[in-house]
Every structure is written in structure tokens, then in C-alpha cells.
Amino acid sequence: MSITAETPIRDLLTKYPKAAEVFAAKGMVCLGCAASMFETVAEGAAAHGIEVEALLVEMNQAIGQ
């Protein structure tokens, strides 16, 4: 599974716990955020002012995709 902008953060963190390290490095504390239960990667990135395409590249590299 490749991570996309529409991937729900909750699903991403459940399937790929290593993704939490990428979020944390960007200052996104998604593991402890209630919004991560219903936000997509794109929505979370926008809320933190992070460029989603760059984040997706890092996420996919982190999970070996």
C-alpha cells in the first residue's frame, strides 16, 4: 500500500507505526491528536503548514514504498 494524500492518518499509524517518526520529525504529534482519528494525511499536513507532496515522499520512503 502506498501512502497518498487521502490516506486516513488513523489507518496509516495503525498499519505503519514507523510513520509516527516522520510525523514527529515534522512537529506533527499525530499519535496524541484527536483529529488524527478522522483526518487524512493532506488535511493534517495543511493544518501544520507542511507541503503534502514532500511529506508523502518521506512517508513512503519510511515504509519502504
PDB file of N, CA and C in Angstrom:
ATOM      1  N   MET A   1       0.837  -1.184   0.000  1.00  0.00           N
ATOM      2  CA  MET A   1       0.000   0.000   0.000  1.00  0.00           C
ATOM      3  C   MET A   1       0.878   1.242   0.000  1.00  0.00           C
ATOM      4  N   SER A   2       0.658   2.099  -0.936  1.00  0.00           N
ATOM      5  CA  SER A   2       1.359   3.370  -0.997  1.00  0.00           C
ATOM      6  C   SER A   2       0.543   4.411  -0.243  1.00  0.00           C
ATOM      7  N   ILE A   3       1.224   5.271   0.472  1.00  0.00           N
ATOM      8  CA  ILE A   3       0.544   6.331   1.207  1.00  0.00           C
ATOM      9  C   ILE A   3       0.221   7.462   0.243  1.00  0.00           C
ATOM     10  N   THR A   4      -1.033   7.916   0.280  1.00  0.00           N
ATOM     11  CA  THR A   4      -1.475   9.024  -0.561  1.00  0.00           C
ATOM     12  C   THR A   4      -1.983  10.157   0.316  1.00  0.00           C
ATOM     13  N   ALA A   5      -2.293  11.273  -0.320  1.00  0.00           N
ATOM     14  CA  ALA A   5      -2.827  12.427   0.405  1.00  0.00           C
ATOM     15  C   ALA A   5      -4.156  12.086   1.078  1.00  0.00           C
ATOM     16  N   GLU A   6      -4.877  11.135   0.518  1.00  0.00           N
ATOM     17  CA  GLU A   6      -6.198  10.774   1.048  1.00  0.00           C
ATOM     18  C   GLU A   6      -6.163   9.647   2.081  1.00  0.00           C
ATOM     19  N   THR A   7      -4.979   9.137   2.384  1.00  0.00           N
ATOM     20  CA  THR A   7      -4.865   8.086   3.389  1.00  0.00           C
ATOM     21  C   THR A   7      -5.257   8.642   4.756  1.00  0.00           C
ATOM     22  N   PRO A   8      -6.196   8.004   5.446  1.00  0.00           N
ATOM     23  CA  PRO A   8      -6.543   8.452   6.799  1.00  0.00           C
ATOM     24  C   PRO A   8      -5.342   8.262   7.742  1.00  0.00           C
ATOM     25  N   ILE A   9      -5.056   9.279   8.534  1.00  0.00           N
ATOM     26  CA  ILE A   9      -3.916   9.209   9.455  1.00  0.00           C
ATOM     27  C   ILE A   9      -4.065   8.030  10.405  1.00  0.00           C
ATOM     28  N   ARG A  10      -5.267   7.805  10.907  1.00  0.00           N
ATOM     29  CA  ARG A  10      -5.506   6.688  11.835  1.00  0.00           C
ATOM     30  C   ARG A  10      -5.091   5.364  11.195  1.00  0.00           C
ATOM     31  N   ASP A  11      -5.508   5.137   9.945  1.00  0.00           N
ATOM     32  CA  ASP A  11      -5.163   3.895   9.254  1.00  0.00           C
ATOM     33  C   ASP A  11      -3.657   3.785   9.020  1.00  0.00           C
ATOM     34  N   LEU A  12      -3.054   4.904   8.658  1.00  0.00           N
ATOM     35  CA  LEU A  12      -1.615   4.940   8.394  1.00  0.00           C
ATOM     36  C   LEU A  12      -0.826   4.554   9.642  1.00  0.00           C
ATOM     37  N   LEU A  13      -1.156   5.156  10.770  1.00  0.00           N
ATOM     38  CA  LEU A  13      -0.423   4.881  12.000  1.00  0.00           C
ATOM     39  C   LEU A  13      -0.675   3.468  12.519  1.00  0.00           C
ATOM     40  N   THR A  14      -1.854   2.939  12.243  1.00  0.00           N
ATOM     41  CA  THR A  14      -2.164   1.572  12.664  1.00  0.00           C
ATOM     42  C   THR A  14      -1.364   0.561  11.851  1.00  0.00           C
ATOM     43  N   LYS A  15      -1.316   0.777  10.539  1.00  0.00           N
ATOM     44  CA  LYS A  15      -0.629  -0.173   9.658  1.00  0.00           C
ATOM     45  C   LYS A  15       0.882   0.024   9.658  1.00  0.00           C
ATOM     46  N   TYR A  16       1.328   1.289   9.766  1.00  0.00           N
ATOM     47  CA  TYR A  16       2.755   1.605   9.698  1.00  0.00           C
ATOM     48  C   TYR A  16       3.168   2.477  10.881  1.00  0.00           C
ATOM     49  N   PRO A  17       3.415   1.892  12.038  1.00  0.00           N
ATOM     50  CA  PRO A  17       3.808   2.681  13.209  1.00  0.00           C
ATOM     51  C   PRO A  17       5.048   3.551  12.968  1.00  0.00           C
ATOM     52  N   LYS A  18       5.930   3.139  12.042  1.00  0.00           N
ATOM     53  CA  LYS A  18       7.130   3.914  11.729  1.00  0.00           C
ATOM     54  C   LYS A  18       6.770   5.299  11.196  1.00  0.00           C
ATOM     55  N   ALA A  19       5.579   5.453  10.634  1.00  0.00           N
ATOM     56  CA  ALA A  19       5.133   6.747  10.118  1.00  0.00           C
ATOM     57  C   ALA A  19       5.076   7.797  11.229  1.00  0.00           C
ATOM     58  N   ALA A  20       4.875   7.366  12.456  1.00  0.00           N
ATOM     59  CA  ALA A  20       4.828   8.296  13.581  1.00  0.00           C
ATOM     60  C   ALA A  20       6.148   9.061  13.714  1.00  0.00           C
ATOM     61  N   GLU A  21       7.260   8.415  13.387  1.00  0.00           N
ATOM     62  CA  GLU A  21       8.567   9.086  13.453  1.00  0.00           C
ATOM     63  C   GLU A  21       8.656  10.220  12.440  1.00  0.00           C
ATOM     64  N   VAL A  22       8.094  10.017  11.254  1.00  0.00           N
ATOM     65  CA  VAL A  22       8.110  11.058  10.226  1.00  0.00           C
ATOM     66  C   VAL A  22       7.231  12.223  10.671  1.00  0.00           C
ATOM     67  N   PHE A  23       6.044  11.918  11.172  1.00  0.00           N
ATOM     68  CA  PHE A  23       5.170  12.971  11.677  1.00  0.00           C
ATOM     69  C   PHE A  23       5.866  13.757  12.790  1.00  0.00           C
ATOM     70  N   ALA A  24       6.476  13.061  13.731  1.00  0.00           N
ATOM     71  CA  ALA A  24       7.141  13.716  14.860  1.00  0.00           C
ATOM     72  C   ALA A  24       8.289  14.609  14.401  1.00  0.00           C
ATOM     73  N   ALA A  25       9.047  14.165  13.412  1.00  0.00           N
ATOM     74  CA  ALA A  25      10.161  14.963  12.898  1.00  0.00           C
ATOM     75  C   ALA A  25       9.679  16.270  12.284  1.00  0.00           C
ATOM     76  N   LYS A  26       8.421  16.279  11.826  1.00  0.00           N
ATOM     77  CA  LYS A  26       7.827  17.483  11.228  1.00  0.00           C
ATOM     78  C   LYS A  26       7.071  18.319  12.259  1.00  0.00           C
ATOM     79  N   GLY A  27       7.088  17.888  13.513  1.00  0.00           N
ATOM     80  CA  GLY A  27       6.373  18.615  14.556  1.00  0.00           C
ATOM     81  C   GLY A  27       4.893  18.278  14.609  1.00  0.00           C
ATOM     82  N   MET A  28       4.513  17.201  13.948  1.00  0.00           N
ATOM     83  CA  MET A  28       3.121  16.753  13.938  1.00  0.00           C
ATOM     84  C   MET A  28       2.994  15.630  14.963  1.00  0.00           C
ATOM     85  N   VAL A  29       2.291  15.892  16.031  1.00  0.00           N
ATOM     86  CA  VAL A  29       2.147  14.886  17.089  1.00  0.00           C
ATOM     87  C   VAL A  29       0.847  14.113  16.883  1.00  0.00           C
ATOM     88  N   CYS A  30       0.753  13.456  15.755  1.00  0.00           N
ATOM     89  CA  CYS A  30      -0.477  12.796  15.327  1.00  0.00           C
ATOM     90  C   CYS A  30      -0.912  11.664  16.246  1.00  0.00           C
ATOM     91  N   LEU A  31       0.019  11.004  16.899  1.00  0.00           N
ATOM     92  CA  LEU A  31      -0.358   9.900  17.782  1.00  0.00           C
ATOM     93  C   LEU A  31      -1.250  10.367  18.923  1.00  0.00           C
ATOM     94  N   GLY A  32      -1.002  11.558  19.425  1.00  0.00           N
ATOM     95  CA  GLY A  32      -1.777  12.051  20.553  1.00  0.00           C
ATOM     96  C   GLY A  32      -2.873  13.026  20.181  1.00  0.00           C
ATOM     97  N   CYS A  33      -3.124  13.205  18.903  1.00  0.00           N
ATOM     98  CA  CYS A  33      -4.089  14.211  18.456  1.00  0.00           C
ATOM     99  C   CYS A  33      -5.431  13.563  18.132  1.00  0.00           C
ATOM    100  N   ALA A  34      -6.494  14.092  18.706  1.00  0.00           N
ATOM    101  CA  ALA A  34      -7.837  13.562  18.432  1.00  0.00           C
ATOM    102  C   ALA A  34      -8.214  13.716  16.963  1.00  0.00           C
ATOM    103  N   ALA A  35      -7.705  14.756  16.306  1.00  0.00           N
ATOM    104  CA  ALA A  35      -8.037  14.993  14.896  1.00  0.00           C
ATOM    105  C   ALA A  35      -7.516  13.867  14.006  1.00  0.00           C
ATOM    106  N   SER A  36      -6.468  13.179  14.432  1.00  0.00           N
ATOM    107  CA  SER A  36      -5.915  12.104  13.597  1.00  0.00           C
ATOM    108  C   SER A  36      -6.894  10.953  13.425  1.00  0.00           C
ATOM    109  N   MET A  37      -7.932  10.919  14.223  1.00  0.00           N
ATOM    110  CA  MET A  37      -8.935   9.859  14.115  1.00  0.00           C
ATOM    111  C   MET A  37      -9.804  10.023  12.873  1.00  0.00           C
ATOM    112  N   PHE A  38      -9.852  11.257  12.334  1.00  0.00           N
ATOM    113  CA  PHE A  38     -10.715  11.469  11.168  1.00  0.00           C
ATOM    114  C   PHE A  38     -10.066  12.256  10.040  1.00  0.00           C
ATOM    115  N   GLU A  39      -8.841  12.720  10.218  1.00  0.00           N
ATOM    116  CA  GLU A  39      -8.166  13.498   9.178  1.00  0.00           C
ATOM    117  C   GLU A  39      -7.364  12.621   8.226  1.00  0.00           C
ATOM    118  N   THR A  40      -7.204  13.118   7.004  1.00  0.00           N
ATOM    119  CA  THR A  40      -6.322  12.475   6.037  1.00  0.00           C
ATOM    120  C   THR A  40      -4.922  13.072   6.191  1.00  0.00           C
ATOM    121  N   VAL A  41      -3.965  12.468   5.535  1.00  0.00           N
ATOM    122  CA  VAL A  41      -2.602  12.992   5.557  1.00  0.00           C
ATOM    123  C   VAL A  41      -2.596  14.424   5.016  1.00  0.00           C
ATOM    124  N   ALA A  42      -3.331  14.681   3.938  1.00  0.00           N
ATOM    125  CA  ALA A  42      -3.378  16.024   3.352  1.00  0.00           C
ATOM    126  C   ALA A  42      -3.957  17.039   4.327  1.00  0.00           C
ATOM    127  N   GLU A  43      -5.008  16.667   5.024  1.00  0.00           N
ATOM    128  CA  GLU A  43      -5.631  17.591   5.991  1.00  0.00           C
ATOM    129  C   GLU A  43      -4.692  17.875   7.162  1.00  0.00           C
ATOM    130  N   GLY A  44      -4.015  16.840   7.642  1.00  0.00           N
ATOM    131  CA  GLY A  44      -3.063  17.030   8.732  1.00  0.00           C
ATOM    132  C   GLY A  44      -1.898  17.905   8.316  1.00  0.00           C
ATOM    133  N   ALA A  45      -1.389  17.674   7.110  1.00  0.00           N
ATOM    134  CA  ALA A  45      -0.279  18.490   6.604  1.00  0.00           C
ATOM    135  C   ALA A  45      -0.707  19.943   6.471  1.00  0.00           C
ATOM    136  N   ALA A  46      -1.891  20.171   5.927  1.00  0.00           N
ATOM    137  CA  ALA A  46      -2.389  21.543   5.759  1.00  0.00           C
ATOM    138  C   ALA A  46      -2.552  22.242   7.109  1.00  0.00           C
ATOM    139  N   ALA A  47      -3.030  21.515   8.091  1.00  0.00           N
ATOM    140  CA  ALA A  47      -3.225  22.100   9.427  1.00  0.00           C
ATOM    141  C   ALA A  47      -1.906  22.522  10.062  1.00  0.00           C
ATOM    142  N   HIS A  48      -0.817  21.882   9.646  1.00  0.00           N
ATOM    143  CA  HIS A  48       0.502  22.191  10.206  1.00  0.00           C
ATOM    144  C   HIS A  48       1.378  22.991   9.251  1.00  0.00           C
ATOM    145  N   GLY A  49       0.830  23.398   8.121  1.00  0.00           N
ATOM    146  CA  GLY A  49       1.591  24.196   7.165  1.00  0.00           C
ATOM    147  C   GLY A  49       2.719  23.428   6.503  1.00  0.00           C
ATOM    148  N   ILE A  50       2.512  22.135   6.297  1.00  0.00           N
ATOM    149  CA  ILE A  50       3.542  21.277   5.711  1.00  0.00           C
ATOM    150  C   ILE A  50       3.131  20.913   4.289  1.00  0.00           C
ATOM    151  N   GLU A  51       4.082  20.944   3.372  1.00  0.00           N
ATOM    152  CA  GLU A  51       3.835  20.607   1.972  1.00  0.00           C
ATOM    153  C   GLU A  51       3.562  19.105   1.869  1.00  0.00           C
ATOM    154  N   VAL A  52       2.360  18.766   1.449  1.00  0.00           N
ATOM    155  CA  VAL A  52       1.920  17.374   1.478  1.00  0.00           C
ATOM    156  C   VAL A  52       2.738  16.470   0.557  1.00  0.00           C
ATOM    157  N   GLU A  53       3.130  16.939  -0.605  1.00  0.00           N
ATOM    158  CA  GLU A  53       3.879  16.072  -1.533  1.00  0.00           C
ATOM    159  C   GLU A  53       5.222  15.655  -0.942  1.00  0.00           C
ATOM    160  N   ALA A  54       5.923  16.579  -0.305  1.00  0.00           N
ATOM    161  CA  ALA A  54       7.205  16.256   0.330  1.00  0.00           C
ATOM    162  C   ALA A  54       6.995  15.280   1.490  1.00  0.00           C
ATOM    163  N   LEU A  55       5.925  15.489   2.247  1.00  0.00           N
ATOM    164  CA  LEU A  55       5.611  14.591   3.350  1.00  0.00           C
ATOM    165  C   LEU A  55       5.318  13.183   2.840  1.00  0.00           C
ATOM    166  N   LEU A  56       4.584  13.084   1.739  1.00  0.00           N
ATOM    167  CA  LEU A  56       4.262  11.779   1.172  1.00  0.00           C
ATOM    168  C   LEU A  56       5.509  11.031   0.708  1.00  0.00           C
ATOM    169  N   VAL A  57       6.455  11.760   0.126  1.00  0.00           N
ATOM    170  CA  VAL A  57       7.711  11.136  -0.299  1.00  0.00           C
ATOM    171  C   VAL A  57       8.423  10.553   0.915  1.00  0.00           C
ATOM    172  N   GLU A  58       8.527  11.330   1.975  1.00  0.00           N
ATOM    173  CA  GLU A  58       9.205  10.856   3.195  1.00  0.00           C
ATOM    174  C   GLU A  58       8.483   9.672   3.806  1.00  0.00           C
ATOM    175  N   MET A  59       7.153   9.760   3.864  1.00  0.00           N
ATOM    176  CA  MET A  59       6.359   8.665   4.447  1.00  0.00           C
ATOM    177  C   MET A  59       6.558   7.365   3.665  1.00  0.00           C
ATOM    178  N   ASN A  60       6.457   7.449   2.362  1.00  0.00           N
ATOM    179  CA  ASN A  60       6.594   6.254   1.541  1.00  0.00           C
ATOM    180  C   ASN A  60       8.010   5.677   1.622  1.00  0.00           C
ATOM    181  N   GLN A  61       9.000   6.533   1.738  1.00  0.00           N
ATOM    182  CA  GLN A  61      10.372   6.042   1.913  1.00  0.00           C
ATOM    183  C   GLN A  61      10.511   5.335   3.264  1.00  0.00           C
ATOM    184  N   ALA A  62       9.891   5.908   4.294  1.00  0.00           N
ATOM    185  CA  ALA A  62       9.997   5.347   5.636  1.00  0.00           C
ATOM    186  C   ALA A  62       9.379   3.947   5.728  1.00  0.00           C
ATOM    187  N   ILE A  63       8.334   3.717   4.938  1.00  0.00           N
ATOM    188  CA  ILE A  63       7.684   2.398   4.995  1.00  0.00           C
ATOM    189  C   ILE A  63       8.183   1.468   3.881  1.00  0.00           C
ATOM    190  N   GLY A  64       9.164   1.932   3.124  1.00  0.00           N
ATOM    191  CA  GLY A  64       9.764   1.101   2.095  1.00  0.00           C
ATOM    192  C   GLY A  64       8.962   0.990   0.809  1.00  0.00           C
ATOM    193  N   GLN A  65       8.226   2.015   0.476  1.00  0.00           N
ATOM    194  CA  GLN A  65       7.423   2.015  -0.761  1.00  0.00           C
ATOM    195  C   GLN A  65       8.065   2.860  -1.816  1.00  0.00           C
TER     196      GLN A  65
END
